[in-house]
Structures are given as C-alpha cells and as structure tokens.
Amino acid sequence: MSKKIVILGGGAWGTALGCMAAQNGHEVMLYARDQATVDEINHKHRNSRYLGDIILHDNLRATSDAAAALNNADTVLAVIPAQSMAAALQELKPLIPDDCPVVLCAKGIERSTGRLMSQIIADILPDHPIAALSGPSFASDVARGFPTAVTIACENIAIADDLAAQFSGSTFRCYSSDDLTGVEIGGALKNVIAVAAGATIGKGLGASAQAALVTRAFAELRRIALAFGGRPETLMGLSGLGDLMLSCSSPQSRNYSYGLALGRGEPLEGLLLAEGVATAPVIAELCAQRQIYAPVISTIAALLNGSITIDAAVTGLLSRPLKNED
C-alpha cells in the first residue's frame, strides 16, 4: 500500500532514501531548508551538491515548506545530523501528525547530553513510535539503485515489520528487529572505529594493525551495547558488523576519510562532517562513568582530542597486560 513518506533533510542520505521510497511506489516529500537544493531536485532531478550527477527518481519531490511537507504524513524519516537532531525536531514537533512513526536515520550520540537519538525523540515526541534504520549503505549506492541491505528496528516488532515492508524493494532490503538500542549503538560506534581504522592506514601502520584494532574495538562495541540494554548478537548483523566492515574499508566513508587525513597529518579543516569525531568523547566518558572496559574507544577519543599521538596510541594499546581474548 502506498504511503506518504516525508524525509527531513536534503543531504546525500536523505535524498538517497527519498529515491528508494519513490522507487517503491510511495508518495515522497523531502523537506530541505536550502531552496536551491529544493529547486534542483524538483526541476533537474539532481542534488549535485551531495550526489553529483546521479539522476534522482522522477517521483521524488522537495519543498522548503515544513508544514506542507508534513501534512498527512504516514511515516517520517529523520535524516538530520545527530548533533542537530534535538533542535530540529523541537521546531518541527507541532507539524508531525499524531501517532506517525519517526524513523531515525542519523548515527550518533548527542554530545551535550549523552542521549541516543531514540532518547531524544522519546523526550520530544513521547507519543510517537520510534524506529531506527541502520546498516552498511552508502548514499550514492542507494540513490543509484545498487543492491543494499539494512536493519530497521523498533521496540514494537510489528511496527518494525511494517516499516521493513514499506521500505523494501527490488534493490533495497530491510530486516526487522526489536533491538532498537543495539542497532543504535552499532550505528553510532562504528563511526568512531572507522576514524581509527582510517588513521591506522593513513599513518602507514599496515592492514594487519588495522584489522587488529577493528577486531578489538568490535569486542568493546558488543560490551557497550549490552551495558546500554542492547543485545550483543544484534551487533553481529547488518547494523553492527556489516556497517563496520563497510565504514572501515572505503574512503567513501566520511569517518574513514577523516581518519586517513588525521593519520597523514593533513589539514582537517573543511573536511565533510565525520560524526565519529563528535561521538568519540561522549561514548568514552559514558564508558568511564559506567565502568565499561573499553581501552580502544578511550584511546581513540584521546587521539581525536590531541592528547596523544597515533604512535603513542599504538604503543599504549600493544603494551596493555596480556589477557585471554573475549
């Protein structure tokens, strides 16, 4: 059944998800503040600022009028940077229809409060079903219609199943889950690990060092998910291991590219938003507060705030007391 799906955010990922939903036969309205982006999507079927010369689906429409976009929405996809999520949803709150599911498509933890994105929505829109879409997916691949698989999670599995059916099509497959916390943790922390993976290669430390770092960080990721109330086995799926594999292996990943530049000693100003840079200090602090053993995560945070060098980080990790692998 066709639904009205509203995309909040006119960047690469929001535009790509809009293309996916339009391809599946839904009425899709993308809300963006930038009028030039809106006009280009509507008249040229492109979003050249974020997706270059990729031709967008004809049925994807855009507007800078939030009220018009959200009128009679059946499903809302919040594709807003994690650190801007709360302010944006607070502003749009009066316009979102009652009981309309809100699907989180941003991966991160709010730096100022330590809240997961689902906690932000629960505070601002307490009467709305909350879901999260996450998994190994580059916006350009989805916009081009390349085969992609993701996880969509909601604590109410019936709603997760319904949303998975809405979004799944010939090239975009959704697996449903009721582990909202586990899916969110996987999406947020893989960004942090991807920065470190890029820095390892940028510094010239080799693929073996990168593999060791990512593997040990993944063990921490599963511990953190459990401590936050998620299920460690969720992290073995698309929203954990799958997303980690993609983000730690390709310069298409903003976080990996940021790490490459960091490792090479290149200027970091002007690089595309790398959400892992904002997430690293807050997750390291949360792990310290909750006494979660996460030496790799804490080392990455120290590296990003400039308190240690990459060489010192590697030396510190390799000189830790020997223990059984967990």
C-alpha atoms as a PDB file:
ATOM      1  CA  MET A   1       0.000   0.000   0.000  1.00  0.00           C
ATOM      2  CA  SER A   2       1.308   3.422  -0.958  1.00  0.00           C
ATOM      3  CA  LYS A   3       2.169   5.746   1.944  1.00  0.00           C
ATOM      4  CA  LYS A   4       3.125   9.383   2.235  1.00  0.00           C
ATOM      5  CA  ILE A   5       6.726   9.289   3.398  1.00  0.00           C
ATOM      6  CA  VAL A   6       8.385  12.522   4.491  1.00  0.00           C
ATOM      7  CA  ILE A   7      12.164  12.905   4.506  1.00  0.00           C
ATOM      8  CA  LEU A   8      13.535  15.513   6.905  1.00  0.00           C
ATOM      9  CA  GLY A   9      16.903  16.504   5.467  1.00  0.00           C
ATOM     10  CA  GLY A  10      18.154  17.304   1.996  1.00  0.00           C
ATOM     11  CA  GLY A  11      21.677  15.877   2.213  1.00  0.00           C
ATOM     12  CA  ALA A  12      23.055  12.815   0.468  1.00  0.00           C
ATOM     13  CA  TRP A  13      21.467  10.202   2.721  1.00  0.00           C
ATOM     14  CA  GLY A  14      18.062  11.892   2.899  1.00  0.00           C
ATOM     15  CA  THR A  15      17.959  12.265  -0.874  1.00  0.00           C
ATOM     16  CA  ALA A  16      19.024   8.654  -1.405  1.00  0.00           C
ATOM     17  CA  LEU A  17      16.342   7.350   0.975  1.00  0.00           C
ATOM     18  CA  GLY A  18      13.812   9.514  -0.829  1.00  0.00           C
ATOM     19  CA  CYS A  19      14.795   7.872  -4.114  1.00  0.00           C
ATOM     20  CA  MET A  20      14.419   4.449  -2.527  1.00  0.00           C
ATOM     21  CA  ALA A  21      10.936   5.219  -1.200  1.00  0.00           C
ATOM     22  CA  ALA A  22       9.827   6.754  -4.505  1.00  0.00           C
ATOM     23  CA  GLN A  23      11.065   3.700  -6.396  1.00  0.00           C
ATOM     24  CA  ASN A  24       8.886   1.582  -4.098  1.00  0.00           C
ATOM     25  CA  GLY A  25       5.794   3.497  -5.244  1.00  0.00           C
ATOM     26  CA  HIS A  26       5.272   5.777  -2.256  1.00  0.00           C
ATOM     27  CA  GLU A  27       4.392   9.458  -2.304  1.00  0.00           C
ATOM     28  CA  VAL A  28       7.624  11.035  -1.137  1.00  0.00           C
ATOM     29  CA  MET A  29       8.188  14.603   0.021  1.00  0.00           C
ATOM     30  CA  LEU A  30      11.671  15.746   1.012  1.00  0.00           C
ATOM     31  CA  TYR A  31      11.948  18.759   3.305  1.00  0.00           C
ATOM     32  CA  ALA A  32      15.105  20.870   2.966  1.00  0.00           C
ATOM     33  CA  ARG A  33      15.867  24.401   4.128  1.00  0.00           C
ATOM     34  CA  ASP A  34      18.030  25.233   1.121  1.00  0.00           C
ATOM     35  CA  GLN A  35      15.804  26.489  -1.691  1.00  0.00           C
ATOM     36  CA  ALA A  36      18.454  25.867  -4.341  1.00  0.00           C
ATOM     37  CA  THR A  37      18.529  22.185  -3.372  1.00  0.00           C
ATOM     38  CA  VAL A  38      14.736  22.023  -3.471  1.00  0.00           C
ATOM     39  CA  ASP A  39      14.594  23.626  -6.917  1.00  0.00           C
ATOM     40  CA  GLU A  40      17.293  21.368  -8.345  1.00  0.00           C
ATOM     41  CA  ILE A  41      15.546  18.221  -7.093  1.00  0.00           C
ATOM     42  CA  ASN A  42      12.185  19.335  -8.472  1.00  0.00           C
ATOM     43  CA  HIS A  43      13.306  20.706 -11.836  1.00  0.00           C
ATOM     44  CA  LYS A  44      16.509  18.837 -12.708  1.00  0.00           C
ATOM     45  CA  HIS A  45      16.074  15.601 -10.686  1.00  0.00           C
ATOM     46  CA  ARG A  46      19.515  16.051  -9.166  1.00  0.00           C
ATOM     47  CA  ASN A  47      21.113  17.028  -5.878  1.00  0.00           C
ATOM     48  CA  SER A  48      24.508  17.893  -7.308  1.00  0.00           C
ATOM     49  CA  ARG A  49      25.853  19.373  -4.059  1.00  0.00           C
ATOM     50  CA  TYR A  50      25.698  15.971  -2.356  1.00  0.00           C
ATOM     51  CA  LEU A  51      25.210  13.342  -5.065  1.00  0.00           C
ATOM     52  CA  GLY A  52      26.939  14.781  -8.119  1.00  0.00           C
ATOM     53  CA  ASP A  53      25.352  13.868 -11.448  1.00  0.00           C
ATOM     54  CA  ILE A  54      23.190  10.976 -10.163  1.00  0.00           C
ATOM     55  CA  ILE A  55      19.712  11.204 -11.687  1.00  0.00           C
ATOM     56  CA  LEU A  56      17.033  11.049  -8.988  1.00  0.00           C
ATOM     57  CA  HIS A  57      13.688   9.284  -9.217  1.00  0.00           C
ATOM     58  CA  ASP A  58      11.040  11.326 -11.044  1.00  0.00           C
ATOM     59  CA  ASN A  59       8.527  10.915  -8.196  1.00  0.00           C
ATOM     60  CA  LEU A  60      10.806  12.412  -5.556  1.00  0.00           C
ATOM     61  CA  ARG A  61       9.533  15.884  -4.712  1.00  0.00           C
ATOM     62  CA  ALA A  62      11.070  18.503  -2.411  1.00  0.00           C
ATOM     63  CA  THR A  63       9.900  21.584  -0.543  1.00  0.00           C
ATOM     64  CA  SER A  64      11.241  24.168   1.874  1.00  0.00           C
ATOM     65  CA  ASP A  65       7.782  24.438   3.479  1.00  0.00           C
ATOM     66  CA  ALA A  66       7.814  22.133   6.510  1.00  0.00           C
ATOM     67  CA  ALA A  67       4.062  22.359   7.088  1.00  0.00           C
ATOM     68  CA  ALA A  68       3.292  21.353   3.519  1.00  0.00           C
ATOM     69  CA  ALA A  69       5.792  18.512   3.661  1.00  0.00           C
ATOM     70  CA  LEU A  70       4.463  17.010   6.904  1.00  0.00           C
ATOM     71  CA  ASN A  71       0.756  17.431   6.200  1.00  0.00           C
ATOM     72  CA  ASN A  72      -0.881  13.969   6.312  1.00  0.00           C
ATOM     73  CA  ALA A  73       2.476  12.178   6.631  1.00  0.00           C
ATOM     74  CA  ASP A  74       2.238   8.443   7.279  1.00  0.00           C
ATOM     75  CA  THR A  75       5.936   7.933   8.084  1.00  0.00           C
ATOM     76  CA  VAL A  76       8.690  10.448   8.865  1.00  0.00           C
ATOM     77  CA  LEU A  77      12.372   9.725   8.244  1.00  0.00           C
ATOM     78  CA  ALA A  78      14.586  11.999  10.362  1.00  0.00           C
ATOM     79  CA  VAL A  79      17.757  12.310   8.292  1.00  0.00           C
ATOM     80  CA  ILE A  80      19.285  15.109  10.340  1.00  0.00           C
ATOM     81  CA  PRO A  81      22.865  15.206  11.725  1.00  0.00           C
ATOM     82  CA  ALA A  82      22.923  13.741  15.223  1.00  0.00           C
ATOM     83  CA  GLN A  83      24.132  16.916  16.920  1.00  0.00           C
ATOM     84  CA  SER A  84      21.284  18.918  15.327  1.00  0.00           C
ATOM     85  CA  MET A  85      18.527  16.344  15.850  1.00  0.00           C
ATOM     86  CA  ALA A  86      17.014  17.724  19.062  1.00  0.00           C
ATOM     87  CA  ALA A  87      16.763  21.333  17.898  1.00  0.00           C
ATOM     88  CA  ALA A  88      15.285  20.356  14.533  1.00  0.00           C
ATOM     89  CA  LEU A  89      12.651  18.027  15.978  1.00  0.00           C
ATOM     90  CA  GLN A  90      11.693  20.524  18.666  1.00  0.00           C
ATOM     91  CA  GLU A  91      10.995  23.064  15.917  1.00  0.00           C
ATOM     92  CA  LEU A  92       9.030  20.611  13.768  1.00  0.00           C
ATOM     93  CA  LYS A  93       7.159  18.941  16.644  1.00  0.00           C
ATOM     94  CA  PRO A  94       3.822  20.801  16.129  1.00  0.00           C
ATOM     95  CA  LEU A  95       3.736  19.748  12.464  1.00  0.00           C
ATOM     96  CA  ILE A  96       4.304  15.997  12.820  1.00  0.00           C
ATOM     97  CA  PRO A  97       0.953  14.142  12.735  1.00  0.00           C
ATOM     98  CA  ASP A  98      -0.139  12.305  15.873  1.00  0.00           C
ATOM     99  CA  ASP A  99       0.998   8.683  16.137  1.00  0.00           C
ATOM    100  CA  CYS A 100       3.153   8.988  12.990  1.00  0.00           C
ATOM    101  CA  PRO A 101       6.214   6.715  13.256  1.00  0.00           C
ATOM    102  CA  VAL A 102       9.522   8.590  13.276  1.00  0.00           C
ATOM    103  CA  VAL A 103      12.437   6.650  11.804  1.00  0.00           C
ATOM    104  CA  LEU A 104      15.931   7.720  12.863  1.00  0.00           C
ATOM    105  CA  CYS A 105      18.427   7.702  10.002  1.00  0.00           C
ATOM    106  CA  ALA A 106      21.277   9.516  11.771  1.00  0.00           C
ATOM    107  CA  LYS A 107      24.019   7.629  13.612  1.00  0.00           C
ATOM    108  CA  GLY A 108      25.460   9.231  16.717  1.00  0.00           C
ATOM    109  CA  ILE A 109      25.131  10.194  20.362  1.00  0.00           C
ATOM    110  CA  GLU A 110      24.253  13.717  21.435  1.00  0.00           C
ATOM    111  CA  ARG A 111      27.486  15.289  22.634  1.00  0.00           C
ATOM    112  CA  SER A 112      25.974  17.679  25.172  1.00  0.00           C
ATOM    113  CA  THR A 113      23.758  15.134  26.971  1.00  0.00           C
ATOM    114  CA  GLY A 114      24.941  11.617  26.084  1.00  0.00           C
ATOM    115  CA  ARG A 115      21.474  10.745  24.758  1.00  0.00           C
ATOM    116  CA  LEU A 116      20.906   8.226  21.994  1.00  0.00           C
ATOM    117  CA  MET A 117      18.798   9.542  19.115  1.00  0.00           C
ATOM    118  CA  SER A 118      15.821   7.443  20.255  1.00  0.00           C
ATOM    119  CA  GLN A 119      16.003   9.080  23.690  1.00  0.00           C
ATOM    120  CA  ILE A 120      15.836  12.490  22.029  1.00  0.00           C
ATOM    121  CA  ILE A 121      12.670  11.538  20.157  1.00  0.00           C
ATOM    122  CA  ALA A 122      11.159   9.961  23.274  1.00  0.00           C
ATOM    123  CA  ASP A 123      11.687  13.246  25.121  1.00  0.00           C
ATOM    124  CA  ILE A 124      10.348  15.485  22.334  1.00  0.00           C
ATOM    125  CA  LEU A 125       7.708  13.245  20.715  1.00  0.00           C
ATOM    126  CA  PRO A 126       6.708  10.843  23.510  1.00  0.00           C
ATOM    127  CA  ASP A 127       3.547   9.588  21.795  1.00  0.00           C
ATOM    128  CA  HIS A 128       5.193   8.562  18.523  1.00  0.00           C
ATOM    129  CA  PRO A 129       6.537   5.125  17.593  1.00  0.00           C
ATOM    130  CA  ILE A 130      10.332   5.311  17.326  1.00  0.00           C
ATOM    131  CA  ALA A 131      12.422   3.291  14.894  1.00  0.00           C
ATOM    132  CA  ALA A 132      15.976   3.361  13.581  1.00  0.00           C
ATOM    133  CA  LEU A 133      17.285   2.459  10.126  1.00  0.00           C
ATOM    134  CA  SER A 134      20.929   1.414  10.039  1.00  0.00           C
ATOM    135  CA  GLY A 135      23.305  -0.828   8.142  1.00  0.00           C
ATOM    136  CA  PRO A 136      26.065  -0.948   5.513  1.00  0.00           C
ATOM    137  CA  SER A 137      24.899   1.597   2.962  1.00  0.00           C
ATOM    138  CA  PHE A 138      26.500   4.432   1.031  1.00  0.00           C
ATOM    139  CA  ALA A 139      24.095   7.130  -0.120  1.00  0.00           C
ATOM    140  CA  SER A 140      25.398   7.081  -3.684  1.00  0.00           C
ATOM    141  CA  ASP A 141      24.816   3.321  -3.941  1.00  0.00           C
ATOM    142  CA  VAL A 142      21.230   3.607  -2.707  1.00  0.00           C
ATOM    143  CA  ALA A 143      20.490   6.585  -4.976  1.00  0.00           C
ATOM    144  CA  ARG A 144      21.785   4.631  -7.981  1.00  0.00           C
ATOM    145  CA  GLY A 145      19.649   1.639  -7.068  1.00  0.00           C
ATOM    146  CA  PHE A 146      22.564  -0.661  -6.228  1.00  0.00           C
ATOM    147  CA  PRO A 147      21.666  -3.686  -4.055  1.00  0.00           C
ATOM    148  CA  THR A 148      21.688  -2.755  -0.353  1.00  0.00           C
ATOM    149  CA  ALA A 149      20.502  -4.412   2.870  1.00  0.00           C
ATOM    150  CA  VAL A 150      19.862  -2.672   6.201  1.00  0.00           C
ATOM    151  CA  THR A 151      18.166  -3.238   9.542  1.00  0.00           C
ATOM    152  CA  ILE A 152      15.132  -1.344  10.774  1.00  0.00           C
ATOM    153  CA  ALA A 153      14.486  -1.603  14.498  1.00  0.00           C
ATOM    154  CA  CYS A 154      11.586  -0.693  16.748  1.00  0.00           C
ATOM    155  CA  GLU A 155      10.775  -1.988  20.224  1.00  0.00           C
ATOM    156  CA  ASN A 156       7.373  -2.936  18.802  1.00  0.00           C
ATOM    157  CA  ILE A 157       8.311  -5.685  16.354  1.00  0.00           C
ATOM    158  CA  ALA A 158       5.000  -5.369  14.482  1.00  0.00           C
ATOM    159  CA  ILE A 159       5.850  -1.755  13.643  1.00  0.00           C
ATOM    160  CA  ALA A 160       9.379  -2.779  12.641  1.00  0.00           C
ATOM    161  CA  ASP A 161       7.922  -5.440  10.333  1.00  0.00           C
ATOM    162  CA  ASP A 162       5.529  -2.915   8.775  1.00  0.00           C
ATOM    163  CA  LEU A 163       8.290  -0.355   8.193  1.00  0.00           C
ATOM    164  CA  ALA A 164      10.573  -3.027   6.724  1.00  0.00           C
ATOM    165  CA  ALA A 165       7.802  -3.906   4.275  1.00  0.00           C
ATOM    166  CA  GLN A 166       7.321  -0.220   3.374  1.00  0.00           C
ATOM    167  CA  PHE A 167      10.965   0.356   2.555  1.00  0.00           C
ATOM    168  CA  SER A 168      11.943  -2.975   0.995  1.00  0.00           C
ATOM    169  CA  GLY A 169      12.016  -3.165  -2.781  1.00  0.00           C
ATOM    170  CA  SER A 170      13.843  -4.769  -5.655  1.00  0.00           C
ATOM    171  CA  THR A 171      17.239  -3.327  -4.664  1.00  0.00           C
ATOM    172  CA  PHE A 172      16.747  -2.241  -1.038  1.00  0.00           C
ATOM    173  CA  ARG A 173      16.098  -4.957   1.546  1.00  0.00           C
ATOM    174  CA  CYS A 174      15.190  -4.305   5.187  1.00  0.00           C
ATOM    175  CA  TYR A 175      15.487  -6.816   8.020  1.00  0.00           C
ATOM    176  CA  SER A 176      13.364  -6.029  11.074  1.00  0.00           C
ATOM    177  CA  SER A 177      14.492  -6.115  14.716  1.00  0.00           C
ATOM    178  CA  ASP A 178      13.085  -5.190  18.115  1.00  0.00           C
ATOM    179  CA  ASP A 179      16.532  -4.294  19.496  1.00  0.00           C
ATOM    180  CA  LEU A 180      16.397  -0.542  18.986  1.00  0.00           C
ATOM    181  CA  THR A 181      19.239   0.154  21.412  1.00  0.00           C
ATOM    182  CA  GLY A 182      21.570  -2.428  19.909  1.00  0.00           C
ATOM    183  CA  VAL A 183      21.000  -1.109  16.393  1.00  0.00           C
ATOM    184  CA  GLU A 184      21.620   2.473  17.521  1.00  0.00           C
ATOM    185  CA  ILE A 185      24.814   1.593  19.395  1.00  0.00           C
ATOM    186  CA  GLY A 186      26.178  -0.242  16.369  1.00  0.00           C
ATOM    187  CA  GLY A 187      25.487   2.678  14.045  1.00  0.00           C
ATOM    188  CA  ALA A 188      26.948   5.293  16.378  1.00  0.00           C
ATOM    189  CA  LEU A 189      30.107   3.484  17.420  1.00  0.00           C
ATOM    190  CA  LYS A 190      31.110   2.165  14.009  1.00  0.00           C
ATOM    191  CA  ASN A 191      31.745   5.828  13.092  1.00  0.00           C
ATOM    192  CA  VAL A 192      34.278   6.128  15.907  1.00  0.00           C
ATOM    193  CA  ILE A 193      36.048   2.918  14.920  1.00  0.00           C
ATOM    194  CA  ALA A 194      36.107   3.948  11.249  1.00  0.00           C
ATOM    195  CA  VAL A 195      38.056   7.101  12.140  1.00  0.00           C
ATOM    196  CA  ALA A 196      40.661   4.969  13.901  1.00  0.00           C
ATOM    197  CA  ALA A 197      40.799   2.490  11.010  1.00  0.00           C
ATOM    198  CA  GLY A 198      41.484   5.311   8.578  1.00  0.00           C
ATOM    199  CA  ALA A 199      44.109   6.834  10.849  1.00  0.00           C
ATOM    200  CA  THR A 200      45.929   3.493  11.074  1.00  0.00           C
ATOM    201  CA  ILE A 201      46.190   3.244   7.299  1.00  0.00           C
ATOM    202  CA  GLY A 202      46.946   6.948   6.909  1.00  0.00           C
ATOM    203  CA  LYS A 203      49.867   6.599   9.295  1.00  0.00           C
ATOM    204  CA  GLY A 204      51.171   3.660   7.256  1.00  0.00           C
ATOM    205  CA  LEU A 205      50.885   1.091  10.029  1.00  0.00           C
ATOM    206  CA  GLY A 206      49.562  -1.599   7.696  1.00  0.00           C
ATOM    207  CA  ALA A 207      46.482  -3.709   7.150  1.00  0.00           C
ATOM    208  CA  SER A 208      47.383  -6.131   9.959  1.00  0.00           C
ATOM    209  CA  ALA A 209      47.335  -3.336  12.530  1.00  0.00           C
ATOM    210  CA  GLN A 210      44.065  -2.042  11.133  1.00  0.00           C
ATOM    211  CA  ALA A 211      42.449  -5.490  11.347  1.00  0.00           C
ATOM    212  CA  ALA A 212      43.629  -5.972  14.929  1.00  0.00           C
ATOM    213  CA  LEU A 213      42.331  -2.569  16.009  1.00  0.00           C
ATOM    214  CA  VAL A 214      38.926  -3.018  14.366  1.00  0.00           C
ATOM    215  CA  THR A 215      38.502  -6.526  15.799  1.00  0.00           C
ATOM    216  CA  ARG A 216      39.330  -5.489  19.361  1.00  0.00           C
ATOM    217  CA  ALA A 217      37.154  -2.382  19.053  1.00  0.00           C
ATOM    218  CA  PHE A 218      34.287  -4.577  17.855  1.00  0.00           C
ATOM    219  CA  ALA A 219      34.563  -6.649  21.039  1.00  0.00           C
ATOM    220  CA  GLU A 220      34.185  -3.407  23.002  1.00  0.00           C
ATOM    221  CA  LEU A 221      31.213  -2.400  20.884  1.00  0.00           C
ATOM    222  CA  ARG A 222      29.380  -5.576  21.890  1.00  0.00           C
ATOM    223  CA  ARG A 223      30.164  -4.976  25.587  1.00  0.00           C
ATOM    224  CA  ILE A 224      28.891  -1.419  25.334  1.00  0.00           C
ATOM    225  CA  ALA A 225      25.664  -2.496  23.629  1.00  0.00           C
ATOM    226  CA  LEU A 226      24.988  -4.982  26.445  1.00  0.00           C
ATOM    227  CA  ALA A 227      25.668  -2.350  29.107  1.00  0.00           C
ATOM    228  CA  PHE A 228      23.193   0.031  27.444  1.00  0.00           C
ATOM    229  CA  GLY A 229      20.469  -2.616  27.289  1.00  0.00           C
ATOM    230  CA  GLY A 230      21.010  -3.917  23.768  1.00  0.00           C
ATOM    231  CA  ARG A 231      21.717  -7.482  22.694  1.00  0.00           C
ATOM    232  CA  PRO A 232      25.322  -8.312  21.738  1.00  0.00           C
ATOM    233  CA  GLU A 233      24.117 -10.659  18.991  1.00  0.00           C
ATOM    234  CA  THR A 234      22.482  -7.703  17.236  1.00  0.00           C
ATOM    235  CA  LEU A 235      25.977  -6.336  16.647  1.00  0.00           C
ATOM    236  CA  MET A 236      26.812  -9.441  14.600  1.00  0.00           C
ATOM    237  CA  GLY A 237      24.297  -8.336  11.971  1.00  0.00           C
ATOM    238  CA  LEU A 238      23.979  -5.614   9.370  1.00  0.00           C
ATOM    239  CA  SER A 239      23.719  -2.706  11.801  1.00  0.00           C
ATOM    240  CA  GLY A 240      26.902  -3.752  13.606  1.00  0.00           C
ATOM    241  CA  LEU A 241      29.466  -5.917  11.860  1.00  0.00           C
ATOM    242  CA  GLY A 242      28.095  -5.180   8.389  1.00  0.00           C
ATOM    243  CA  ASP A 243      28.216  -1.417   8.820  1.00  0.00           C
ATOM    244  CA  LEU A 244      31.633  -1.648  10.477  1.00  0.00           C
ATOM    245  CA  MET A 245      33.090  -3.608   7.540  1.00  0.00           C
ATOM    246  CA  LEU A 246      31.883  -1.020   5.044  1.00  0.00           C
ATOM    247  CA  SER A 247      32.857   2.078   7.015  1.00  0.00           C
ATOM    248  CA  CYS A 248      36.345   0.807   7.887  1.00  0.00           C
ATOM    249  CA  SER A 249      37.308  -0.143   4.345  1.00  0.00           C
ATOM    250  CA  SER A 250      36.406   2.654   1.960  1.00  0.00           C
ATOM    251  CA  PRO A 251      37.314   6.343   1.504  1.00  0.00           C
ATOM    252  CA  GLN A 252      33.622   6.846   0.636  1.00  0.00           C
ATOM    253  CA  SER A 253      33.110   6.748   4.395  1.00  0.00           C
ATOM    254  CA  ARG A 254      33.458  10.267   5.797  1.00  0.00           C
ATOM    255  CA  ASN A 255      34.775   8.890   9.074  1.00  0.00           C
ATOM    256  CA  TYR A 256      37.382   6.702   7.386  1.00  0.00           C
ATOM    257  CA  SER A 257      38.459   9.620   5.175  1.00  0.00           C
ATOM    258  CA  TYR A 258      38.785  11.867   8.234  1.00  0.00           C
ATOM    259  CA  GLY A 259      40.990   9.223   9.845  1.00  0.00           C
ATOM    260  CA  LEU A 260      43.139   8.929   6.723  1.00  0.00           C
ATOM    261  CA  ALA A 261      43.778  12.678   6.789  1.00  0.00           C
ATOM    262  CA  LEU A 262      44.488  12.552  10.523  1.00  0.00           C
ATOM    263  CA  GLY A 263      46.988   9.741  10.089  1.00  0.00           C
ATOM    264  CA  ARG A 264      48.742  11.519   7.236  1.00  0.00           C
ATOM    265  CA  GLY A 265      48.993  14.756   9.190  1.00  0.00           C
ATOM    266  CA  GLU A 266      46.874  16.614   6.642  1.00  0.00           C
ATOM    267  CA  PRO A 267      44.688  19.653   7.472  1.00  0.00           C
ATOM    268  CA  LEU A 268      41.327  18.598   8.915  1.00  0.00           C
ATOM    269  CA  GLU A 269      39.517  21.884   8.437  1.00  0.00           C
ATOM    270  CA  GLY A 270      36.936  21.803   5.684  1.00  0.00           C
ATOM    271  CA  LEU A 271      36.524  18.024   5.637  1.00  0.00           C
ATOM    272  CA  LEU A 272      32.999  16.627   5.372  1.00  0.00           C
ATOM    273  CA  LEU A 273      31.137  16.014   8.628  1.00  0.00           C
ATOM    274  CA  ALA A 274      32.535  12.951  10.408  1.00  0.00           C
ATOM    275  CA  GLU A 275      30.037  12.070  13.128  1.00  0.00           C
ATOM    276  CA  GLY A 276      32.546   9.780  14.829  1.00  0.00           C
ATOM    277  CA  VAL A 277      34.597  12.813  15.878  1.00  0.00           C
ATOM    278  CA  ALA A 278      31.656  14.121  17.915  1.00  0.00           C
ATOM    279  CA  THR A 279      30.663  10.694  19.236  1.00  0.00           C
ATOM    280  CA  ALA A 280      34.099   9.532  20.442  1.00  0.00           C
ATOM    281  CA  PRO A 281      34.467  11.781  23.521  1.00  0.00           C
ATOM    282  CA  VAL A 282      30.919  11.252  24.747  1.00  0.00           C
ATOM    283  CA  ILE A 283      30.996   7.452  24.440  1.00  0.00           C
ATOM    284  CA  ALA A 284      34.416   7.353  26.131  1.00  0.00           C
ATOM    285  CA  GLU A 285      33.007   9.414  29.001  1.00  0.00           C
ATOM    286  CA  LEU A 286      29.910   7.219  29.255  1.00  0.00           C
ATOM    287  CA  CYS A 287      32.079   4.094  29.354  1.00  0.00           C
ATOM    288  CA  ALA A 288      34.165   5.600  32.159  1.00  0.00           C
ATOM    289  CA  GLN A 289      31.049   6.533  34.129  1.00  0.00           C
ATOM    290  CA  ARG A 290      29.544   3.057  33.745  1.00  0.00           C
ATOM    291  CA  GLN A 291      32.885   1.284  34.278  1.00  0.00           C
ATOM    292  CA  ILE A 292      32.710  -0.416  30.878  1.00  0.00           C
ATOM    293  CA  TYR A 293      36.096  -1.804  29.846  1.00  0.00           C
ATOM    294  CA  ALA A 294      36.777  -0.050  26.531  1.00  0.00           C
ATOM    295  CA  PRO A 295      40.500   0.793  26.128  1.00  0.00           C
ATOM    296  CA  VAL A 296      40.335   1.105  22.339  1.00  0.00           C
ATOM    297  CA  ILE A 297      37.398   3.533  22.465  1.00  0.00           C
ATOM    298  CA  SER A 298      39.088   5.655  25.145  1.00  0.00           C
ATOM    299  CA  THR A 299      42.335   5.698  23.148  1.00  0.00           C
ATOM    300  CA  ILE A 300      40.501   6.843  20.014  1.00  0.00           C
ATOM    301  CA  ALA A 301      38.895   9.673  21.982  1.00  0.00           C
ATOM    302  CA  ALA A 302      42.293  10.747  23.333  1.00  0.00           C
ATOM    303  CA  LEU A 303      43.759  10.634  19.826  1.00  0.00           C
ATOM    304  CA  LEU A 304      40.981  12.841  18.453  1.00  0.00           C
ATOM    305  CA  ASN A 305      41.298  15.446  21.204  1.00  0.00           C
ATOM    306  CA  GLY A 306      45.032  15.666  20.566  1.00  0.00           C
ATOM    307  CA  SER A 307      46.164  14.441  23.974  1.00  0.00           C
ATOM    308  CA  ILE A 308      48.132  11.542  22.440  1.00  0.00           C
ATOM    309  CA  THR A 309      49.761  10.824  19.086  1.00  0.00           C
ATOM    310  CA  ILE A 310      48.996   7.848  16.865  1.00  0.00           C
ATOM    311  CA  ASP A 311      52.372   6.316  17.739  1.00  0.00           C
ATOM    312  CA  ALA A 312      51.656   6.699  21.454  1.00  0.00           C
ATOM    313  CA  ALA A 313      48.167   5.260  20.956  1.00  0.00           C
ATOM    314  CA  VAL A 314      49.516   2.156  19.235  1.00  0.00           C
ATOM    315  CA  THR A 315      52.260   1.720  21.825  1.00  0.00           C
ATOM    316  CA  GLY A 316      49.757   2.069  24.648  1.00  0.00           C
ATOM    317  CA  LEU A 317      47.368  -0.490  23.184  1.00  0.00           C
ATOM    318  CA  LEU A 318      50.119  -3.011  22.441  1.00  0.00           C
ATOM    319  CA  SER A 319      51.686  -2.663  25.883  1.00  0.00           C
ATOM    320  CA  ARG A 320      48.496  -3.418  27.820  1.00  0.00           C
ATOM    321  CA  PRO A 321      48.679  -6.508  30.073  1.00  0.00           C
ATOM    322  CA  LEU A 322      48.192  -9.784  28.233  1.00  0.00           C
ATOM    323  CA  LYS A 323      44.798 -11.445  28.715  1.00  0.00           C
ATOM    324  CA  ASN A 324      42.507 -14.043  27.239  1.00  0.00           C
ATOM    325  CA  GLU A 325      40.676 -12.972  24.098  1.00  0.00           C
ATOM    326  CA  ASP A 326      36.999 -12.195  24.767  1.00  0.00           C
END
